[in-house]
Amino acid sequence: MPNDLEIMQEMVKEDLELMNEIILEDMLPLIQFREQLERKEFEKAFKEMKKLEEEV
């Protein structure tokens, strides 16, 4: 019969597996979307900077 420590370890393991699934399914796409937006903003600012440099 498992003791309390073994039961807790199994519960923690199950919780970590669930959290990993949540991160992969829900959080990762949001992080990737944010990175994509940041990259677009950077590219926009970089183009603007290059344009201003050409004017000088």
PDB file of N, CA and C in Angstrom:
ATOM      1  N   MET A   1       0.849  -1.188   0.000  1.00  0.00           N
ATOM      2  CA  MET A   1       0.000   0.000   0.000  1.00  0.00           C
ATOM      3  C   MET A   1       0.895   1.252   0.000  1.00  0.00           C
ATOM      4  N   PRO A   2       0.616   2.203  -0.901  1.00  0.00           N
ATOM      5  CA  PRO A   2       1.462   3.402  -0.981  1.00  0.00           C
ATOM      6  C   PRO A   2       1.320   4.285   0.258  1.00  0.00           C
ATOM      7  N   ASN A   3       2.420   4.881   0.654  1.00  0.00           N
ATOM      8  CA  ASN A   3       2.364   5.795   1.792  1.00  0.00           C
ATOM      9  C   ASN A   3       2.008   7.202   1.306  1.00  0.00           C
ATOM     10  N   ASP A   4       1.882   8.109   2.254  1.00  0.00           N
ATOM     11  CA  ASP A   4       1.466   9.477   1.923  1.00  0.00           C
ATOM     12  C   ASP A   4       2.441  10.170   0.973  1.00  0.00           C
ATOM     13  N   LEU A   5       3.729   9.938   1.165  1.00  0.00           N
ATOM     14  CA  LEU A   5       4.734  10.564   0.312  1.00  0.00           C
ATOM     15  C   LEU A   5       4.593  10.086  -1.136  1.00  0.00           C
ATOM     16  N   GLU A   6       4.409   8.796  -1.311  1.00  0.00           N
ATOM     17  CA  GLU A   6       4.242   8.249  -2.662  1.00  0.00           C
ATOM     18  C   GLU A   6       2.979   8.793  -3.322  1.00  0.00           C
ATOM     19  N   ILE A   7       1.925   8.905  -2.546  1.00  0.00           N
ATOM     20  CA  ILE A   7       0.665   9.450  -3.071  1.00  0.00           C
ATOM     21  C   ILE A   7       0.870  10.902  -3.506  1.00  0.00           C
ATOM     22  N   MET A   8       1.536  11.685  -2.664  1.00  0.00           N
ATOM     23  CA  MET A   8       1.794  13.092  -2.998  1.00  0.00           C
ATOM     24  C   MET A   8       2.686  13.207  -4.234  1.00  0.00           C
ATOM     25  N   GLN A   9       3.703  12.370  -4.322  1.00  0.00           N
ATOM     26  CA  GLN A   9       4.589  12.399  -5.485  1.00  0.00           C
ATOM     27  C   GLN A   9       3.817  12.091  -6.765  1.00  0.00           C
ATOM     28  N   GLU A  10       2.927  11.133  -6.705  1.00  0.00           N
ATOM     29  CA  GLU A  10       2.122  10.786  -7.879  1.00  0.00           C
ATOM     30  C   GLU A  10       1.183  11.932  -8.247  1.00  0.00           C
ATOM     31  N   MET A  11       0.606  12.580  -7.241  1.00  0.00           N
ATOM     32  CA  MET A  11      -0.287  13.717  -7.505  1.00  0.00           C
ATOM     33  C   MET A  11       0.482  14.866  -8.152  1.00  0.00           C
ATOM     34  N   VAL A  12       1.678  15.133  -7.646  1.00  0.00           N
ATOM     35  CA  VAL A  12       2.509  16.202  -8.213  1.00  0.00           C
ATOM     36  C   VAL A  12       2.886  15.858  -9.646  1.00  0.00           C
ATOM     37  N   LYS A  13       3.241  14.619  -9.893  1.00  0.00           N
ATOM     38  CA  LYS A  13       3.592  14.180 -11.248  1.00  0.00           C
ATOM     39  C   LYS A  13       2.411  14.397 -12.195  1.00  0.00           C
ATOM     40  N   GLU A  14       1.217  14.017 -11.769  1.00  0.00           N
ATOM     41  CA  GLU A  14       0.024  14.206 -12.599  1.00  0.00           C
ATOM     42  C   GLU A  14      -0.247  15.690 -12.842  1.00  0.00           C
ATOM     43  N   ASP A  15      -0.077  16.506 -11.802  1.00  0.00           N
ATOM     44  CA  ASP A  15      -0.280  17.953 -11.954  1.00  0.00           C
ATOM     45  C   ASP A  15       0.717  18.554 -12.947  1.00  0.00           C
ATOM     46  N   LEU A  16       1.967  18.123 -12.872  1.00  0.00           N
ATOM     47  CA  LEU A  16       2.984  18.630 -13.798  1.00  0.00           C
ATOM     48  C   LEU A  16       2.679  18.225 -15.238  1.00  0.00           C
ATOM     49  N   GLU A  17       2.200  17.012 -15.422  1.00  0.00           N
ATOM     50  CA  GLU A  17       1.823  16.566 -16.765  1.00  0.00           C
ATOM     51  C   GLU A  17       0.670  17.408 -17.305  1.00  0.00           C
ATOM     52  N   LEU A  18      -0.304  17.690 -16.457  1.00  0.00           N
ATOM     53  CA  LEU A  18      -1.440  18.517 -16.864  1.00  0.00           C
ATOM     54  C   LEU A  18      -0.988  19.939 -17.191  1.00  0.00           C
ATOM     55  N   MET A  19      -0.126  20.499 -16.360  1.00  0.00           N
ATOM     56  CA  MET A  19       0.382  21.851 -16.614  1.00  0.00           C
ATOM     57  C   MET A  19       1.163  21.901 -17.924  1.00  0.00           C
ATOM     58  N   ASN A  20       1.924  20.858 -18.214  1.00  0.00           N
ATOM     59  CA  ASN A  20       2.681  20.796 -19.462  1.00  0.00           C
ATOM     60  C   ASN A  20       1.726  20.797 -20.659  1.00  0.00           C
ATOM     61  N   GLU A  21       0.643  20.042 -20.573  1.00  0.00           N
ATOM     62  CA  GLU A  21      -0.351  20.021 -21.648  1.00  0.00           C
ATOM     63  C   GLU A  21      -0.981  21.399 -21.837  1.00  0.00           C
ATOM     64  N   ILE A  22      -1.312  22.046 -20.738  1.00  0.00           N
ATOM     65  CA  ILE A  22      -1.926  23.377 -20.809  1.00  0.00           C
ATOM     66  C   ILE A  22      -0.965  24.363 -21.463  1.00  0.00           C
ATOM     67  N   ILE A  23       0.294  24.313 -21.072  1.00  0.00           N
ATOM     68  CA  ILE A  23       1.285  25.222 -21.653  1.00  0.00           C
ATOM     69  C   ILE A  23       1.411  24.982 -23.148  1.00  0.00           C
ATOM     70  N   LEU A  24       1.508  23.724 -23.547  1.00  0.00           N
ATOM     71  CA  LEU A  24       1.669  23.406 -24.967  1.00  0.00           C
ATOM     72  C   LEU A  24       0.447  23.805 -25.786  1.00  0.00           C
ATOM     73  N   GLU A  25      -0.748  23.589 -25.242  1.00  0.00           N
ATOM     74  CA  GLU A  25      -1.974  23.837 -25.998  1.00  0.00           C
ATOM     75  C   GLU A  25      -2.428  25.286 -25.943  1.00  0.00           C
ATOM     76  N   ASP A  26      -2.263  25.932 -24.811  1.00  0.00           N
ATOM     77  CA  ASP A  26      -2.835  27.269 -24.628  1.00  0.00           C
ATOM     78  C   ASP A  26      -1.799  28.386 -24.612  1.00  0.00           C
ATOM     79  N   MET A  27      -0.744  28.202 -23.864  1.00  0.00           N
ATOM     80  CA  MET A  27       0.213  29.287 -23.665  1.00  0.00           C
ATOM     81  C   MET A  27       1.183  29.442 -24.829  1.00  0.00           C
ATOM     82  N   LEU A  28       1.689  28.343 -25.361  1.00  0.00           N
ATOM     83  CA  LEU A  28       2.690  28.413 -26.421  1.00  0.00           C
ATOM     84  C   LEU A  28       2.183  29.175 -27.645  1.00  0.00           C
ATOM     85  N   PRO A  29       0.956  28.904 -28.127  1.00  0.00           N
ATOM     86  CA  PRO A  29       0.471  29.695 -29.267  1.00  0.00           C
ATOM     87  C   PRO A  29       0.380  31.190 -28.958  1.00  0.00           C
ATOM     88  N   LEU A  30       0.013  31.544 -27.739  1.00  0.00           N
ATOM     89  CA  LEU A  30      -0.064  32.957 -27.364  1.00  0.00           C
ATOM     90  C   LEU A  30       1.322  33.594 -27.343  1.00  0.00           C
ATOM     91  N   ILE A  31       2.292  32.871 -26.831  1.00  0.00           N
ATOM     92  CA  ILE A  31       3.666  33.381 -26.799  1.00  0.00           C
ATOM     93  C   ILE A  31       4.184  33.567 -28.215  1.00  0.00           C
ATOM     94  N   GLN A  32       3.923  32.587 -29.076  1.00  0.00           N
ATOM     95  CA  GLN A  32       4.373  32.688 -30.467  1.00  0.00           C
ATOM     96  C   GLN A  32       3.699  33.853 -31.172  1.00  0.00           C
ATOM     97  N   PHE A  33       2.413  34.080 -30.900  1.00  0.00           N
ATOM     98  CA  PHE A  33       1.695  35.198 -31.511  1.00  0.00           C
ATOM     99  C   PHE A  33       2.298  36.525 -31.056  1.00  0.00           C
ATOM    100  N   ARG A  34       2.593  36.635 -29.773  1.00  0.00           N
ATOM    101  CA  ARG A  34       3.206  37.855 -29.251  1.00  0.00           C
ATOM    102  C   ARG A  34       4.570  38.102 -29.894  1.00  0.00           C
ATOM    103  N   GLU A  35       5.356  37.052 -30.024  1.00  0.00           N
ATOM    104  CA  GLU A  35       6.664  37.195 -30.666  1.00  0.00           C
ATOM    105  C   GLU A  35       6.518  37.641 -32.117  1.00  0.00           C
ATOM    106  N   GLN A  36       5.509  37.130 -32.801  1.00  0.00           N
ATOM    107  CA  GLN A  36       5.262  37.515 -34.191  1.00  0.00           C
ATOM    108  C   GLN A  36       4.902  39.000 -34.269  1.00  0.00           C
ATOM    109  N   LEU A  37       4.057  39.460 -33.355  1.00  0.00           N
ATOM    110  CA  LEU A  37       3.692  40.878 -33.333  1.00  0.00           C
ATOM    111  C   LEU A  37       4.905  41.754 -33.039  1.00  0.00           C
ATOM    112  N   GLU A  38       5.719  41.325 -32.077  1.00  0.00           N
ATOM    113  CA  GLU A  38       6.923  42.087 -31.742  1.00  0.00           C
ATOM    114  C   GLU A  38       7.872  42.156 -32.932  1.00  0.00           C
ATOM    115  N   ARG A  39       8.005  41.061 -33.657  1.00  0.00           N
ATOM    116  CA  ARG A  39       8.884  41.031 -34.826  1.00  0.00           C
ATOM    117  C   ARG A  39       8.373  41.992 -35.898  1.00  0.00           C
ATOM    118  N   LYS A  40       7.052  42.018 -36.110  1.00  0.00           N
ATOM    119  CA  LYS A  40       6.470  42.934 -37.102  1.00  0.00           C
ATOM    120  C   LYS A  40       6.705  44.386 -36.697  1.00  0.00           C
ATOM    121  N   GLU A  41       6.531  44.692 -35.426  1.00  0.00           N
ATOM    122  CA  GLU A  41       6.760  46.056 -34.948  1.00  0.00           C
ATOM    123  C   GLU A  41       8.228  46.442 -35.105  1.00  0.00           C
ATOM    124  N   PHE A  42       9.126  45.506 -34.804  1.00  0.00           N
ATOM    125  CA  PHE A  42      10.552  45.781 -34.968  1.00  0.00           C
ATOM    126  C   PHE A  42      10.875  46.067 -36.429  1.00  0.00           C
ATOM    127  N   GLU A  43      10.354  45.220 -37.322  1.00  0.00           N
ATOM    128  CA  GLU A  43      10.619  45.413 -38.750  1.00  0.00           C
ATOM    129  C   GLU A  43      10.074  46.754 -39.233  1.00  0.00           C
ATOM    130  N   LYS A  44       8.909  47.128 -38.736  1.00  0.00           N
ATOM    131  CA  LYS A  44       8.313  48.417 -39.111  1.00  0.00           C
ATOM    132  C   LYS A  44       9.212  49.568 -38.646  1.00  0.00           C
ATOM    133  N   ALA A  45       9.667  49.498 -37.395  1.00  0.00           N
ATOM    134  CA  ALA A  45      10.525  50.550 -36.851  1.00  0.00           C
ATOM    135  C   ALA A  45      11.870  50.581 -37.584  1.00  0.00           C
ATOM    136  N   PHE A  46      12.395  49.413 -37.932  1.00  0.00           N
ATOM    137  CA  PHE A  46      13.671  49.344 -38.638  1.00  0.00           C
ATOM    138  C   PHE A  46      13.557  49.989 -40.022  1.00  0.00           C
ATOM    139  N   LYS A  47      12.464  49.696 -40.726  1.00  0.00           N
ATOM    140  CA  LYS A  47      12.245  50.309 -42.045  1.00  0.00           C
ATOM    141  C   LYS A  47      12.134  51.824 -41.930  1.00  0.00           C
ATOM    142  N   GLU A  48      11.428  52.280 -40.891  1.00  0.00           N
ATOM    143  CA  GLU A  48      11.282  53.720 -40.678  1.00  0.00           C
ATOM    144  C   GLU A  48      12.642  54.361 -40.396  1.00  0.00           C
ATOM    145  N   MET A  49      13.460  53.693 -39.589  1.00  0.00           N
ATOM    146  CA  MET A  49      14.789  54.208 -39.284  1.00  0.00           C
ATOM    147  C   MET A  49      15.642  54.290 -40.554  1.00  0.00           C
ATOM    148  N   LYS A  50      15.593  53.252 -41.379  1.00  0.00           N
ATOM    149  CA  LYS A  50      16.359  53.250 -42.632  1.00  0.00           C
ATOM    150  C   LYS A  50      15.904  54.388 -43.543  1.00  0.00           C
ATOM    151  N   LYS A  51      14.597  54.612 -43.588  1.00  0.00           N
ATOM    152  CA  LYS A  51      14.051  55.691 -44.419  1.00  0.00           C
ATOM    153  C   LYS A  51      14.566  57.041 -43.930  1.00  0.00           C
ATOM    154  N   LEU A  52      14.566  57.236 -42.615  1.00  0.00           N
ATOM    155  CA  LEU A  52      15.057  58.489 -42.046  1.00  0.00           C
ATOM    156  C   LEU A  52      16.553  58.662 -42.302  1.00  0.00           C
ATOM    157  N   GLU A  53      17.308  57.572 -42.229  1.00  0.00           N
ATOM    158  CA  GLU A  53      18.742  57.649 -42.509  1.00  0.00           C
ATOM    159  C   GLU A  53      18.999  58.075 -43.950  1.00  0.00           C
ATOM    160  N   GLU A  54      18.191  57.576 -44.858  1.00  0.00           N
ATOM    161  CA  GLU A  54      18.354  57.929 -46.271  1.00  0.00           C
ATOM    162  C   GLU A  54      18.062  59.407 -46.515  1.00  0.00           C
ATOM    163  N   GLU A  55      17.160  59.963 -45.727  1.00  0.00           N
ATOM    164  CA  GLU A  55      16.794  61.370 -45.886  1.00  0.00           C
ATOM    165  C   GLU A  55      17.896  62.296 -45.392  1.00  0.00           C
ATOM    166  N   VAL A  56      18.707  61.824 -44.477  1.00  0.00           N
ATOM    167  CA  VAL A  56      19.754  62.662 -43.877  1.00  0.00           C
ATOM    168  C   VAL A  56      20.939  62.796 -44.746  1.00  0.00           C
TER     169      VAL A  56
END
